[in-house]
Full PDB file with SEQRES, HELIX, SHEET, SSBOND, CRYST1, ORIGX, SCALE, CONECT and MASTER records, all heavy atoms in Angstrom:
SEQRES   1 A   35  ALA SER ALA SER LEU PHE GLU ASN GLY GLN ILE ILE SER          
SEQRES   2 A   35  CYS VAL SER GLU GLU ARG ILE ASN ARG ILE LYS PHE TYR          
SEQRES   3 A   35  SER GLY TRP PRO GLU LEU SER ILE LYS                          
HELIX    1 AA1 GLU A   17  ASN A   21  1                                   5    
HELIX    2 AA2 GLU A   31  ILE A   34  1                                   4    
SHEET    1 AA1 2 SER A   2  GLU A   7  0                                        
SHEET    2 AA1 2 GLN A  10  SER A  16 -1                                        
CRYST1    1.000    1.000    1.000  90.00  90.00  90.00 P 1           1          
ORIGX1      1.000000  0.000000  0.000000        0.00000                         
ORIGX2      0.000000  1.000000  0.000000        0.00000                         
ORIGX3      0.000000  0.000000  1.000000        0.00000                         
SCALE1      1.000000  0.000000  0.000000        0.00000                         
SCALE2      0.000000  1.000000  0.000000        0.00000                         
SCALE3      0.000000  0.000000  1.000000        0.00000                         
ATOM      1  N   ALA A   1     -34.807  17.763  74.078  1.00  0.00           N  
ATOM      2  CA  ALA A   1     -36.080  18.271  73.585  1.00  0.00           C  
ATOM      3  C   ALA A   1     -37.188  17.341  73.957  1.00  0.00           C  
ATOM      4  O   ALA A   1     -37.051  16.114  73.992  1.00  0.00           O  
ATOM      5  CB  ALA A   1     -36.004  18.397  72.069  1.00  0.00           C  
ATOM      6  N   SER A   2     -38.376  17.908  74.253  1.00  0.00           N  
ATOM      7  CA  SER A   2     -39.558  17.122  74.653  1.00  0.00           C  
ATOM      8  C   SER A   2     -40.831  17.899  74.473  1.00  0.00           C  
ATOM      9  O   SER A   2     -40.797  19.097  74.174  1.00  0.00           O  
ATOM     10  CB  SER A   2     -39.391  16.740  76.148  1.00  0.00           C  
ATOM     11  OG  SER A   2     -39.303  17.939  76.916  1.00  0.00           O  
ATOM     12  N   ALA A   3     -41.955  17.180  74.628  1.00  0.00           N  
ATOM     13  CA  ALA A   3     -43.239  17.805  74.584  1.00  0.00           C  
ATOM     14  C   ALA A   3     -44.109  17.158  75.618  1.00  0.00           C  
ATOM     15  O   ALA A   3     -43.973  15.991  75.947  1.00  0.00           O  
ATOM     16  CB  ALA A   3     -43.873  17.604  73.194  1.00  0.00           C  
ATOM     17  N   SER A   4     -45.041  17.950  76.193  1.00  0.00           N  
ATOM     18  CA  SER A   4     -45.992  17.456  77.185  1.00  0.00           C  
ATOM     19  C   SER A   4     -47.385  17.982  76.862  1.00  0.00           C  
ATOM     20  O   SER A   4     -47.524  19.106  76.303  1.00  0.00           O  
ATOM     21  CB  SER A   4     -45.592  17.988  78.575  1.00  0.00           C  
ATOM     22  OG  SER A   4     -44.300  17.571  78.925  1.00  0.00           O  
ATOM     23  N   LEU A   5     -48.402  17.258  77.285  1.00  0.00           N  
ATOM     24  CA  LEU A   5     -49.750  17.633  77.129  1.00  0.00           C  
ATOM     25  C   LEU A   5     -50.451  17.620  78.470  1.00  0.00           C  
ATOM     26  O   LEU A   5     -50.349  16.658  79.201  1.00  0.00           O  
ATOM     27  CB  LEU A   5     -50.489  16.739  76.128  1.00  0.00           C  
ATOM     28  CG  LEU A   5     -51.921  17.110  75.825  1.00  0.00           C  
ATOM     29  CD1 LEU A   5     -51.997  18.442  75.102  1.00  0.00           C  
ATOM     30  CD2 LEU A   5     -52.547  16.004  74.975  1.00  0.00           C  
ATOM     31  N   PHE A   6     -51.065  18.747  78.854  1.00  0.00           N  
ATOM     32  CA  PHE A   6     -51.776  18.879  80.104  1.00  0.00           C  
ATOM     33  C   PHE A   6     -53.235  19.135  79.837  1.00  0.00           C  
ATOM     34  O   PHE A   6     -53.557  19.837  78.835  1.00  0.00           O  
ATOM     35  CB  PHE A   6     -51.226  20.030  80.941  1.00  0.00           C  
ATOM     36  CG  PHE A   6     -49.815  19.910  81.327  1.00  0.00           C  
ATOM     37  CD1 PHE A   6     -48.776  20.202  80.497  1.00  0.00           C  
ATOM     38  CD2 PHE A   6     -49.504  19.476  82.633  1.00  0.00           C  
ATOM     39  CE1 PHE A   6     -47.475  20.111  80.890  1.00  0.00           C  
ATOM     40  CE2 PHE A   6     -48.181  19.335  83.037  1.00  0.00           C  
ATOM     41  CZ  PHE A   6     -47.144  19.687  82.109  1.00  0.00           C  
ATOM     42  N   GLU A   7     -54.103  18.593  80.708  1.00  0.00           N  
ATOM     43  CA  GLU A   7     -55.519  18.884  80.568  1.00  0.00           C  
ATOM     44  C   GLU A   7     -56.047  19.166  81.955  1.00  0.00           C  
ATOM     45  O   GLU A   7     -55.940  18.335  82.850  1.00  0.00           O  
ATOM     46  CB  GLU A   7     -56.283  17.736  79.920  1.00  0.00           C  
ATOM     47  CG  GLU A   7     -57.737  18.098  79.715  1.00  0.00           C  
ATOM     48  CD  GLU A   7     -58.508  17.045  78.892  1.00  0.00           C  
ATOM     49  OE1 GLU A   7     -57.946  15.962  78.614  1.00  0.00           O  
ATOM     50  OE2 GLU A   7     -59.648  17.363  78.527  1.00  0.00           O  
ATOM     51  N   ASN A   8     -56.580  20.358  82.132  1.00  0.00           N  
ATOM     52  CA  ASN A   8     -57.117  20.777  83.435  1.00  0.00           C  
ATOM     53  C   ASN A   8     -56.123  20.589  84.566  1.00  0.00           C  
ATOM     54  O   ASN A   8     -56.473  20.112  85.663  1.00  0.00           O  
ATOM     55  CB  ASN A   8     -58.445  20.122  83.746  1.00  0.00           C  
ATOM     56  CG  ASN A   8     -59.458  20.398  82.681  1.00  0.00           C  
ATOM     57  OD1 ASN A   8     -59.545  21.531  82.229  1.00  0.00           O  
ATOM     58  ND2 ASN A   8     -60.277  19.426  82.362  1.00  0.00           N  
ATOM     59  N   GLY A   9     -54.856  20.947  84.341  1.00  0.00           N  
ATOM     60  CA  GLY A   9     -53.809  20.881  85.366  1.00  0.00           C  
ATOM     61  C   GLY A   9     -53.191  19.518  85.596  1.00  0.00           C  
ATOM     62  O   GLY A   9     -52.322  19.364  86.396  1.00  0.00           O  
ATOM     63  N   GLN A  10     -53.648  18.530  84.886  1.00  0.00           N  
ATOM     64  CA  GLN A  10     -53.113  17.136  85.023  1.00  0.00           C  
ATOM     65  C   GLN A  10     -52.239  16.779  83.795  1.00  0.00           C  
ATOM     66  O   GLN A  10     -52.590  17.101  82.678  1.00  0.00           O  
ATOM     67  CB  GLN A  10     -54.258  16.109  85.095  1.00  0.00           C  
ATOM     68  CG  GLN A  10     -55.195  16.364  86.303  1.00  0.00           C  
ATOM     69  CD  GLN A  10     -54.443  16.134  87.623  1.00  0.00           C  
ATOM     70  OE1 GLN A  10     -53.702  15.206  87.811  1.00  0.00           O  
ATOM     71  NE2 GLN A  10     -54.728  17.065  88.551  1.00  0.00           N  
ATOM     72  N   ILE A  11     -51.120  16.152  84.045  1.00  0.00           N  
ATOM     73  CA  ILE A  11     -50.261  15.674  82.980  1.00  0.00           C  
ATOM     74  C   ILE A  11     -50.986  14.489  82.286  1.00  0.00           C  
ATOM     75  O   ILE A  11     -51.278  13.464  82.922  1.00  0.00           O  
ATOM     76  CB  ILE A  11     -48.890  15.249  83.499  1.00  0.00           C  
ATOM     77  CG1 ILE A  11     -48.149  16.416  84.109  1.00  0.00           C  
ATOM     78  CG2 ILE A  11     -48.075  14.658  82.338  1.00  0.00           C  
ATOM     79  CD1 ILE A  11     -46.838  16.042  84.746  1.00  0.00           C  
ATOM     80  N   ILE A  12     -51.227  14.696  81.020  1.00  0.00           N  
ATOM     81  CA  ILE A  12     -51.823  13.617  80.199  1.00  0.00           C  
ATOM     82  C   ILE A  12     -50.773  12.757  79.507  1.00  0.00           C  
ATOM     83  O   ILE A  12     -50.865  11.545  79.476  1.00  0.00           O  
ATOM     84  CB  ILE A  12     -52.802  14.174  79.112  1.00  0.00           C  
ATOM     85  CG1 ILE A  12     -53.777  15.106  79.771  1.00  0.00           C  
ATOM     86  CG2 ILE A  12     -53.419  13.175  78.294  1.00  0.00           C  
ATOM     87  CD1 ILE A  12     -54.741  14.373  80.747  1.00  0.00           C  
ATOM     88  N   SER A  13     -49.789  13.421  78.945  1.00  0.00           N  
ATOM     89  CA  SER A  13     -48.730  12.704  78.233  1.00  0.00           C  
ATOM     90  C   SER A  13     -47.512  13.561  78.206  1.00  0.00           C  
ATOM     91  O   SER A  13     -47.557  14.813  78.100  1.00  0.00           O  
ATOM     92  CB  SER A  13     -49.213  12.454  76.792  1.00  0.00           C  
ATOM     93  OG  SER A  13     -48.276  11.699  76.072  1.00  0.00           O  
ATOM     94  N   CYS A  14     -46.325  12.912  78.242  1.00  0.00           N  
ATOM     95  CA  CYS A  14     -45.049  13.600  78.202  1.00  0.00           C  
ATOM     96  C   CYS A  14     -44.019  12.664  77.616  1.00  0.00           C  
ATOM     97  O   CYS A  14     -43.967  11.476  78.010  1.00  0.00           O  
ATOM     98  CB  CYS A  14     -44.651  14.040  79.598  1.00  0.00           C  
ATOM     99  SG  CYS A  14     -43.093  14.948  79.679  1.00  0.00           S  
ATOM    100  N   VAL A  15     -43.213  13.119  76.716  1.00  0.00           N  
ATOM    101  CA  VAL A  15     -42.205  12.216  76.096  1.00  0.00           C  
ATOM    102  C   VAL A  15     -41.007  13.076  75.658  1.00  0.00           C  
ATOM    103  O   VAL A  15     -41.156  14.192  75.195  1.00  0.00           O  
ATOM    104  CB  VAL A  15     -42.771  11.407  74.928  1.00  0.00           C  
ATOM    105  CG1 VAL A  15     -43.161  12.264  73.765  1.00  0.00           C  
ATOM    106  CG2 VAL A  15     -41.776  10.317  74.521  1.00  0.00           C  
ATOM    107  N   SER A  16     -39.850  12.523  75.822  1.00  0.00           N  
ATOM    108  CA  SER A  16     -38.631  13.146  75.383  1.00  0.00           C  
ATOM    109  C   SER A  16     -38.361  12.697  73.935  1.00  0.00           C  
ATOM    110  O   SER A  16     -38.552  11.502  73.568  1.00  0.00           O  
ATOM    111  CB  SER A  16     -37.490  12.741  76.285  1.00  0.00           C  
ATOM    112  OG  SER A  16     -36.256  13.354  75.815  1.00  0.00           O  
ATOM    113  N   GLU A  17     -37.902  13.619  73.109  1.00  0.00           N  
ATOM    114  CA  GLU A  17     -37.665  13.297  71.705  1.00  0.00           C  
ATOM    115  C   GLU A  17     -36.676  12.168  71.469  1.00  0.00           C  
ATOM    116  O   GLU A  17     -36.813  11.377  70.577  1.00  0.00           O  
ATOM    117  CB  GLU A  17     -37.198  14.571  70.973  1.00  0.00           C  
ATOM    118  CG  GLU A  17     -37.079  14.446  69.487  1.00  0.00           C  
ATOM    119  CD  GLU A  17     -38.412  14.513  68.756  1.00  0.00           C  
ATOM    120  OE1 GLU A  17     -39.464  14.721  69.400  1.00  0.00           O  
ATOM    121  OE2 GLU A  17     -38.440  14.339  67.571  1.00  0.00           O  
ATOM    122  N   GLU A  18     -35.740  12.081  72.398  1.00  0.00           N  
ATOM    123  CA  GLU A  18     -34.716  10.982  72.237  1.00  0.00           C  
ATOM    124  C   GLU A  18     -35.304   9.588  72.345  1.00  0.00           C  
ATOM    125  O   GLU A  18     -34.742   8.610  71.834  1.00  0.00           O  
ATOM    126  CB  GLU A  18     -33.583  11.135  73.242  1.00  0.00           C  
ATOM    127  CG  GLU A  18     -34.008  10.862  74.638  1.00  0.00           C  
ATOM    128  CD  GLU A  18     -32.776  10.983  75.623  1.00  0.00           C  
ATOM    129  OE1 GLU A  18     -31.817  11.717  75.374  1.00  0.00           O  
ATOM    130  OE2 GLU A  18     -32.884  10.297  76.671  1.00  0.00           O  
ATOM    131  N   ARG A  19     -36.438   9.461  72.997  1.00  0.00           N  
ATOM    132  CA  ARG A  19     -37.112   8.174  73.152  1.00  0.00           C  
ATOM    133  C   ARG A  19     -37.733   7.707  71.869  1.00  0.00           C  
ATOM    134  O   ARG A  19     -37.971   6.505  71.683  1.00  0.00           O  
ATOM    135  CB  ARG A  19     -38.199   8.177  74.264  1.00  0.00           C  
ATOM    136  CG  ARG A  19     -37.623   8.464  75.591  1.00  0.00           C  
ATOM    137  CD  ARG A  19     -36.692   7.354  75.989  1.00  0.00           C  
ATOM    138  NE  ARG A  19     -36.111   7.665  77.333  1.00  0.00           N  
ATOM    139  CZ  ARG A  19     -35.069   7.008  77.803  1.00  0.00           C  
ATOM    140  NH1 ARG A  19     -34.523   6.043  77.065  1.00  0.00           N  
ATOM    141  NH2 ARG A  19     -34.563   7.347  78.946  1.00  0.00           N  
ATOM    142  N   ILE A  20     -38.036   8.651  71.005  1.00  0.00           N  
ATOM    143  CA  ILE A  20     -38.683   8.295  69.718  1.00  0.00           C  
ATOM    144  C   ILE A  20     -37.696   8.236  68.580  1.00  0.00           C  
ATOM    145  O   ILE A  20     -37.701   7.323  67.812  1.00  0.00           O  
ATOM    146  CB  ILE A  20     -39.823   9.339  69.404  1.00  0.00           C  
ATOM    147  CG1 ILE A  20     -40.839   9.351  70.564  1.00  0.00           C  
ATOM    148  CG2 ILE A  20     -40.475   9.005  68.078  1.00  0.00           C  
ATOM    149  CD1 ILE A  20     -41.833  10.429  70.457  1.00  0.00           C  
ATOM    150  N   ASN A  21     -36.812   9.248  68.483  1.00  0.00           N  
ATOM    151  CA  ASN A  21     -35.881   9.238  67.340  1.00  0.00           C  
ATOM    152  C   ASN A  21     -34.579   8.487  67.658  1.00  0.00           C  
ATOM    153  O   ASN A  21     -33.718   8.361  66.795  1.00  0.00           O  
ATOM    154  CB  ASN A  21     -35.561  10.689  66.915  1.00  0.00           C  
ATOM    155  CG  ASN A  21     -34.789  11.507  67.915  1.00  0.00           C  
ATOM    156  OD1 ASN A  21     -34.231  11.034  68.871  1.00  0.00           O  
ATOM    157  ND2 ASN A  21     -34.736  12.800  67.635  1.00  0.00           N  
ATOM    158  N   ARG A  22     -34.412   8.063  68.878  1.00  0.00           N  
ATOM    159  CA  ARG A  22     -33.238   7.246  69.319  1.00  0.00           C  
ATOM    160  C   ARG A  22     -31.924   7.963  69.197  1.00  0.00           C  
ATOM    161  O   ARG A  22     -30.877   7.359  69.038  1.00  0.00           O  
ATOM    162  CB  ARG A  22     -33.188   5.928  68.485  1.00  0.00           C  
ATOM    163  CG  ARG A  22     -34.513   5.140  68.429  1.00  0.00           C  
ATOM    164  CD  ARG A  22     -35.146   4.873  69.742  1.00  0.00           C  
ATOM    165  NE  ARG A  22     -34.440   3.908  70.484  1.00  0.00           N  
ATOM    166  CZ  ARG A  22     -34.628   3.643  71.794  1.00  0.00           C  
ATOM    167  NH1 ARG A  22     -35.522   4.326  72.443  1.00  0.00           N  
ATOM    168  NH2 ARG A  22     -33.947   2.721  72.395  1.00  0.00           N  
ATOM    169  N   ILE A  23     -31.924   9.307  69.346  1.00  0.00           N  
ATOM    170  CA  ILE A  23     -30.680  10.073  69.398  1.00  0.00           C  
ATOM    171  C   ILE A  23     -30.477  10.596  70.818  1.00  0.00           C  
ATOM    172  O   ILE A  23     -31.252  11.503  71.203  1.00  0.00           O  
ATOM    173  CB  ILE A  23     -30.733  11.250  68.376  1.00  0.00           C  
ATOM    174  CG1 ILE A  23     -30.952  10.724  66.948  1.00  0.00           C  
ATOM    175  CG2 ILE A  23     -29.470  12.125  68.470  1.00  0.00           C  
ATOM    176  CD1 ILE A  23     -31.220  11.794  65.886  1.00  0.00           C  
ATOM    177  N   LYS A  24     -29.550  10.090  71.535  1.00  0.00           N  
ATOM    178  CA  LYS A  24     -29.333  10.427  72.914  1.00  0.00           C  
ATOM    179  C   LYS A  24     -29.060  11.913  73.066  1.00  0.00           C  
ATOM    180  O   LYS A  24     -28.301  12.482  72.265  1.00  0.00           O  
ATOM    181  CB  LYS A  24     -28.155   9.635  73.457  1.00  0.00           C  
ATOM    182  CG  LYS A  24     -27.966   9.704  74.944  1.00  0.00           C  
ATOM    183  CD  LYS A  24     -29.044   8.855  75.589  1.00  0.00           C  
ATOM    184  CE  LYS A  24     -28.790   8.773  77.090  1.00  0.00           C  
ATOM    185  NZ  LYS A  24     -29.974   8.411  77.797  1.00  0.00           N  
ATOM    186  N   PHE A  25     -29.733  12.529  74.065  1.00  0.00           N  
ATOM    187  CA  PHE A  25     -29.550  13.999  74.340  1.00  0.00           C  
ATOM    188  C   PHE A  25     -29.941  14.877  73.116  1.00  0.00           C  
ATOM    189  O   PHE A  25     -29.316  15.889  72.860  1.00  0.00           O  
ATOM    190  CB  PHE A  25     -28.177  14.320  74.820  1.00  0.00           C  
ATOM    191  CG  PHE A  25     -27.759  13.567  76.048  1.00  0.00           C  
ATOM    192  CD1 PHE A  25     -26.621  12.760  75.993  1.00  0.00           C  
ATOM    193  CD2 PHE A  25     -28.478  13.627  77.209  1.00  0.00           C  
ATOM    194  CE1 PHE A  25     -26.221  12.039  77.113  1.00  0.00           C  
ATOM    195  CE2 PHE A  25     -28.106  12.904  78.334  1.00  0.00           C  
ATOM    196  CZ  PHE A  25     -26.968  12.150  78.287  1.00  0.00           C  
ATOM    197  N   TYR A  26     -30.979  14.471  72.389  1.00  0.00           N  
ATOM    198  CA  TYR A  26     -31.345  15.199  71.168  1.00  0.00           C  
ATOM    199  C   TYR A  26     -31.653  16.677  71.508  1.00  0.00           C  
ATOM    200  O   TYR A  26     -32.337  16.997  72.484  1.00  0.00           O  
ATOM    201  CB  TYR A  26     -32.601  14.556  70.545  1.00  0.00           C  
ATOM    202  CG  TYR A  26     -33.088  15.304  69.359  1.00  0.00           C  
ATOM    203  CD1 TYR A  26     -32.446  15.187  68.122  1.00  0.00           C  
ATOM    204  CD2 TYR A  26     -34.161  16.163  69.409  1.00  0.00           C  
ATOM    205  CE1 TYR A  26     -32.873  15.919  66.994  1.00  0.00           C  
ATOM    206  CE2 TYR A  26     -34.635  16.922  68.364  1.00  0.00           C  
ATOM    207  CZ  TYR A  26     -33.995  16.775  67.118  1.00  0.00           C  
ATOM    208  OH  TYR A  26     -34.402  17.457  66.045  1.00  0.00           O  
ATOM    209  N   SER A  27     -31.181  17.547  70.711  1.00  0.00           N  
ATOM    210  CA  SER A  27     -31.391  19.005  70.841  1.00  0.00           C  
ATOM    211  C   SER A  27     -32.011  19.515  69.579  1.00  0.00           C  
ATOM    212  O   SER A  27     -31.452  19.324  68.499  1.00  0.00           O  
ATOM    213  CB  SER A  27     -30.023  19.706  71.150  1.00  0.00           C  
ATOM    214  OG  SER A  27     -30.309  21.081  71.260  1.00  0.00           O  
ATOM    215  N   GLY A  28     -33.113  20.201  69.674  1.00  0.00           N  
ATOM    216  CA  GLY A  28     -33.757  20.729  68.495  1.00  0.00           C  
ATOM    217  C   GLY A  28     -35.267  20.644  68.585  1.00  0.00           C  
ATOM    218  O   GLY A  28     -35.835  20.479  69.678  1.00  0.00           O  
ATOM    219  N   TRP A  29     -35.947  20.814  67.497  1.00  0.00           N  
ATOM    220  CA  TRP A  29     -37.405  20.852  67.438  1.00  0.00           C  
ATOM    221  C   TRP A  29     -37.967  19.442  67.747  1.00  0.00           C  
ATOM    222  O   TRP A  29     -37.627  18.481  66.998  1.00  0.00           O  
ATOM    223  CB  TRP A  29     -37.860  21.392  66.109  1.00  0.00           C  
ATOM    224  CG  TRP A  29     -39.360  21.506  66.005  1.00  0.00           C  
ATOM    225  CD1 TRP A  29     -40.183  20.744  65.272  1.00  0.00           C  
ATOM    226  CD2 TRP A  29     -40.167  22.428  66.728  1.00  0.00           C  
ATOM    227  NE1 TRP A  29     -41.479  21.116  65.415  1.00  0.00           N  
ATOM    228  CE2 TRP A  29     -41.519  22.171  66.271  1.00  0.00           C  
ATOM    229  CE3 TRP A  29     -39.945  23.448  67.589  1.00  0.00           C  
ATOM    230  CZ2 TRP A  29     -42.589  22.936  66.763  1.00  0.00           C  
ATOM    231  CZ3 TRP A  29     -41.012  24.196  68.079  1.00  0.00           C  
ATOM    232  CH2 TRP A  29     -42.279  23.938  67.641  1.00  0.00           C  
ATOM    233  N   PRO A  30     -38.841  19.271  68.702  1.00  0.00           N  
ATOM    234  CA  PRO A  30     -39.347  17.968  69.089  1.00  0.00           C  
ATOM    235  C   PRO A  30     -40.581  17.561  68.244  1.00  0.00           C  
ATOM    236  O   PRO A  30     -41.673  17.284  68.789  1.00  0.00           O  
ATOM    237  CB  PRO A  30     -39.711  18.088  70.564  1.00  0.00           C  
ATOM    238  CG  PRO A  30     -40.101  19.522  70.686  1.00  0.00           C  
ATOM    239  CD  PRO A  30     -39.201  20.256  69.720  1.00  0.00           C  
ATOM    240  N   GLU A  31     -40.432  17.461  66.961  1.00  0.00           N  
ATOM    241  CA  GLU A  31     -41.562  17.196  66.080  1.00  0.00           C  
ATOM    242  C   GLU A  31     -42.232  15.858  66.397  1.00  0.00           C  
ATOM    243  O   GLU A  31     -43.481  15.780  66.429  1.00  0.00           O  
ATOM    244  CB  GLU A  31     -41.060  17.201  64.631  1.00  0.00           C  
ATOM    245  CG  GLU A  31     -42.174  17.027  63.622  1.00  0.00           C  
ATOM    246  CD  GLU A  31     -41.708  17.226  62.230  1.00  0.00           C  
ATOM    247  OE1 GLU A  31     -40.562  17.685  62.012  1.00  0.00           O  
ATOM    248  OE2 GLU A  31     -42.479  16.915  61.282  1.00  0.00           O  
ATOM    249  N   LEU A  32     -41.463  14.809  66.608  1.00  0.00           N  
ATOM    250  CA  LEU A  32     -42.044  13.524  66.897  1.00  0.00           C  
ATOM    251  C   LEU A  32     -42.745  13.463  68.190  1.00  0.00           C  
ATOM    252  O   LEU A  32     -43.755  12.848  68.394  1.00  0.00           O  
ATOM    253  CB  LEU A  32     -40.985  12.431  66.761  1.00  0.00           C  
ATOM    254  CG  LEU A  32     -40.292  12.268  65.409  1.00  0.00           C  
ATOM    255  CD1 LEU A  32     -39.146  11.284  65.469  1.00  0.00           C  
ATOM    256  CD2 LEU A  32     -41.298  11.871  64.333  1.00  0.00           C  
ATOM    257  N   SER A  33     -42.176  14.185  69.206  1.00  0.00           N  
ATOM    258  CA  SER A  33     -42.756  14.205  70.537  1.00  0.00           C  
ATOM    259  C   SER A  33     -44.116  14.926  70.489  1.00  0.00           C  
ATOM    260  O   SER A  33     -45.078  14.492  71.138  1.00  0.00           O  
ATOM    261  CB  SER A  33     -41.846  14.948  71.520  1.00  0.00           C  
ATOM    262  OG  SER A  33     -40.675  14.214  71.676  1.00  0.00           O  
ATOM    263  N   ILE A  34     -44.187  16.051  69.805  1.00  0.00           N  
ATOM    264  CA  ILE A  34     -45.443  16.792  69.705  1.00  0.00           C  
ATOM    265  C   ILE A  34     -46.462  15.911  69.033  1.00  0.00           C  
ATOM    266  O   ILE A  34     -47.628  15.809  69.513  1.00  0.00           O  
ATOM    267  CB  ILE A  34     -45.218  18.092  68.865  1.00  0.00           C  
ATOM    268  CG1 ILE A  34     -44.340  19.046  69.665  1.00  0.00           C  
ATOM    269  CG2 ILE A  34     -46.599  18.750  68.585  1.00  0.00           C  
ATOM    270  CD1 ILE A  34     -43.833  20.238  68.859  1.00  0.00           C  
ATOM    271  N   LYS A  35     -46.106  15.291  67.948  1.00  0.00           N  
ATOM    272  CA  LYS A  35     -47.024  14.373  67.251  1.00  0.00           C  
ATOM    273  C   LYS A  35     -47.511  13.236  68.152  1.00  0.00           C  
ATOM    274  O   LYS A  35     -48.702  12.942  68.210  1.00  0.00           O  
ATOM    275  CB  LYS A  35     -46.341  13.815  66.011  1.00  0.00           C  
ATOM    276  CG  LYS A  35     -47.189  12.933  65.131  1.00  0.00           C  
ATOM    277  CD  LYS A  35     -46.431  12.467  63.925  1.00  0.00           C  
ATOM    278  CE  LYS A  35     -47.301  11.558  63.081  1.00  0.00           C  
ATOM    279  NZ  LYS A  35     -46.575  11.041  61.900  1.00  0.00           N  
TER     280      LYS A  35                                                      
MASTER        0    0    0    2    2    0    0    6  279    1    0    3          
END                                                                             
């Protein structure tokens, strides 16, 4: 699971949920990534 933010076609930010919650191969709603 992951979330990305684009502005005018450019990637501004992108992160995988596992990098924040420390659960390898996390599957589910990426609440922390969106935040």
